Amino acid sequence: MNAALVRALVKAVPAALLVLGAAGAFGQSLPDPTRPPDALNALNAANKQEPAGAQSGPVLQSVLVSPRRKLAVISGQTVKLGGEYENARVVKISETEVVLRNGKDTRTLKLFPQAEKQSVSGQPRGKAGDRPQESATRQAR
């Protein structure tokens, strides 16, 4: 091999390794796009710290609402509208909740119990389906 070529390789190989090593270090700082948001991780950690039995009773885990059928998954058990879960009849299934009735007692299970519905303050409320300008025009007549 030519001596000049060997000297060039001796200089080039360490430089190339340095560049490749630096590229690997930069790649480690990129966030994982499939990782859940930090707020969700904090919420999950807080839920795990609750004492056992903090959420007693049935838990609504999922609902399936279609024109032909309505199903709910309550604490791992799939039940349909009109079906029974622990001696209670499923009397209503909606997108966000299930109502169970046991005799005179009713119990509503919410899919997202921590979520609260809030109205927007300062916004006038018209009839359902009204556009704001239609509502104002009707009132002026």
Protein backbone atom coordinates (compact mmCIF):
# COMPACT_ATOMS: atom_id res chain seq x y z
CA MET A 1 0.00 0.00 0.00
CA ASN A 2 1.13 3.48 -0.66
CA ALA A 3 2.53 5.28 2.43
CA ALA A 4 0.56 8.42 1.65
CA LEU A 5 -2.67 6.41 1.53
CA VAL A 6 -1.91 4.78 4.89
CA ARG A 7 -1.22 8.18 6.48
CA ALA A 8 -4.50 9.54 5.07
CA LEU A 9 -6.44 6.57 6.46
CA VAL A 10 -4.77 6.91 9.86
CA LYS A 11 -5.99 10.51 10.00
CA ALA A 12 -9.42 9.89 8.49
CA VAL A 13 -10.54 6.88 10.55
CA PRO A 14 -10.36 8.60 13.99
CA ALA A 15 -12.12 11.67 12.57
CA ALA A 16 -14.89 9.49 11.10
CA LEU A 17 -15.32 7.66 14.42
CA LEU A 18 -15.56 10.97 16.24
CA VAL A 19 -18.28 12.21 13.86
CA LEU A 20 -20.24 8.95 14.11
CA GLY A 21 -20.00 8.97 17.90
CA ALA A 22 -21.27 12.54 18.05
CA ALA A 23 -24.19 11.67 15.76
CA GLY A 24 -25.19 8.87 18.13
CA ALA A 25 -25.13 11.25 21.08
CA PHE A 26 -27.40 13.69 19.25
CA GLY A 27 -29.83 10.89 18.38
CA GLN A 28 -30.30 10.05 22.05
CA SER A 29 -31.74 13.48 22.79
CA LEU A 30 -34.70 12.99 20.43
CA PRO A 31 -37.96 12.21 22.27
CA ASP A 32 -39.75 8.95 21.63
CA PRO A 33 -42.84 9.82 19.54
CA THR A 34 -44.75 6.82 20.93
CA ARG A 35 -44.18 7.77 24.57
CA PRO A 36 -47.29 9.02 26.43
CA PRO A 37 -47.26 12.67 27.52
CA ASP A 38 -45.62 13.43 30.87
CA ALA A 39 -48.95 14.60 32.31
CA LEU A 40 -50.45 11.17 31.65
CA ASN A 41 -47.46 9.46 33.26
CA ALA A 42 -47.89 11.66 36.35
CA LEU A 43 -51.62 10.84 36.49
CA ASN A 44 -50.91 7.11 36.23
CA ALA A 45 -48.27 7.35 38.97
CA ALA A 46 -50.73 9.20 41.23
CA ASN A 47 -53.41 6.56 40.60
CA LYS A 48 -50.99 3.76 41.50
CA GLN A 49 -50.23 5.45 44.82
CA GLU A 50 -53.88 5.41 45.89
CA PRO A 51 -54.59 2.82 48.56
CA ALA A 52 -56.00 -0.50 47.42
CA GLY A 53 -59.77 -0.37 47.18
CA ALA A 54 -59.83 3.40 46.58
CA GLN A 55 -61.99 2.74 43.55
CA SER A 56 -64.37 0.17 44.91
CA GLY A 57 -67.23 -1.26 42.96
CA PRO A 58 -67.71 -1.66 39.24
CA VAL A 59 -65.61 0.35 36.79
CA LEU A 60 -66.83 1.25 33.30
CA GLN A 61 -63.92 0.47 31.00
CA SER A 62 -65.39 0.72 27.50
CA VAL A 63 -68.61 1.18 25.53
CA LEU A 64 -69.66 0.21 22.03
CA VAL A 65 -72.66 2.10 20.67
CA SER A 66 -73.91 1.38 17.17
CA PRO A 67 -77.33 1.50 15.52
CA ARG A 68 -77.67 -2.27 15.90
CA ARG A 69 -76.28 -2.89 19.38
CA LYS A 70 -75.01 -1.36 22.59
CA LEU A 71 -72.37 -3.05 24.73
CA ALA A 72 -70.37 -2.05 27.79
CA VAL A 73 -67.30 -3.52 29.47
CA ILE A 74 -67.72 -3.23 33.23
CA SER A 75 -64.76 -4.40 35.33
CA GLY A 76 -63.70 -6.76 32.54
CA GLN A 77 -67.16 -8.24 31.90
CA THR A 78 -68.96 -7.49 28.62
CA VAL A 79 -72.68 -6.79 29.04
CA LYS A 80 -75.32 -5.68 26.57
CA LEU A 81 -78.24 -3.31 27.03
CA GLY A 82 -80.85 -5.17 29.08
CA GLY A 83 -78.23 -7.61 30.36
CA GLU A 84 -77.18 -8.12 33.97
CA TYR A 85 -74.04 -7.22 35.87
CA GLU A 86 -73.81 -8.43 39.49
CA ASN A 87 -77.60 -8.69 39.95
CA ALA A 88 -78.19 -5.24 38.43
CA ARG A 89 -79.87 -4.70 35.05
CA VAL A 90 -78.19 -2.47 32.45
CA VAL A 91 -80.95 0.02 31.61
CA LYS A 92 -78.97 2.60 29.61
CA ILE A 93 -75.74 2.68 27.61
CA SER A 94 -74.52 5.94 26.10
CA GLU A 95 -71.18 7.09 24.71
CA THR A 96 -69.97 8.19 28.14
CA GLU A 97 -71.97 6.29 30.77
CA VAL A 98 -73.93 3.21 31.76
CA VAL A 99 -76.88 3.11 34.14
CA LEU A 100 -77.41 0.02 36.30
CA ARG A 101 -80.68 -0.64 38.18
CA ASN A 102 -81.06 -3.05 41.06
CA GLY A 103 -84.63 -2.88 42.31
CA LYS A 104 -85.25 0.77 43.18
CA ASP A 105 -81.55 1.63 43.31
CA THR A 106 -79.83 3.07 40.24
CA ARG A 107 -76.11 3.55 39.77
CA THR A 108 -74.46 5.54 36.97
CA LEU A 109 -71.00 4.47 35.87
CA LYS A 110 -69.07 7.09 33.92
CA LEU A 111 -66.41 6.27 31.35
CA PHE A 112 -64.34 9.30 32.43
CA PRO A 113 -65.37 9.98 36.04
CA GLN A 114 -62.69 12.63 36.59
CA ALA A 115 -63.86 14.71 33.58
CA GLU A 116 -66.29 17.49 34.37
CA LYS A 117 -68.50 19.30 31.88
CA GLN A 118 -68.07 23.06 31.99
CA SER A 119 -70.06 25.70 30.15
CA VAL A 120 -68.34 28.59 28.43
CA SER A 121 -69.05 31.73 30.46
CA GLY A 122 -70.32 34.82 28.73
CA GLN A 123 -71.73 32.90 25.76
CA PRO A 124 -75.48 33.23 25.16
CA ARG A 125 -77.18 29.87 24.77
CA GLY A 126 -79.74 29.47 22.01
CA LYS A 127 -81.76 26.50 20.90
CA ALA A 128 -79.88 23.40 19.82
CA GLY A 129 -78.84 23.74 16.21
CA ASP A 130 -79.17 27.55 16.12
CA ARG A 131 -76.29 29.48 14.72
CA PRO A 132 -75.45 32.61 16.76
CA GLN A 133 -76.50 35.03 13.98
CA GLU A 134 -79.81 33.20 13.48
CA SER A 135 -80.56 33.41 17.18
CA ALA A 136 -79.84 37.15 17.24
CA THR A 137 -81.99 37.71 14.12
CA ARG A 138 -84.95 35.85 15.62
CA GLN A 139 -84.77 37.85 18.84
CA ALA A 140 -84.72 41.17 16.95
CA ARG A 141 -87.99 40.38 15.09
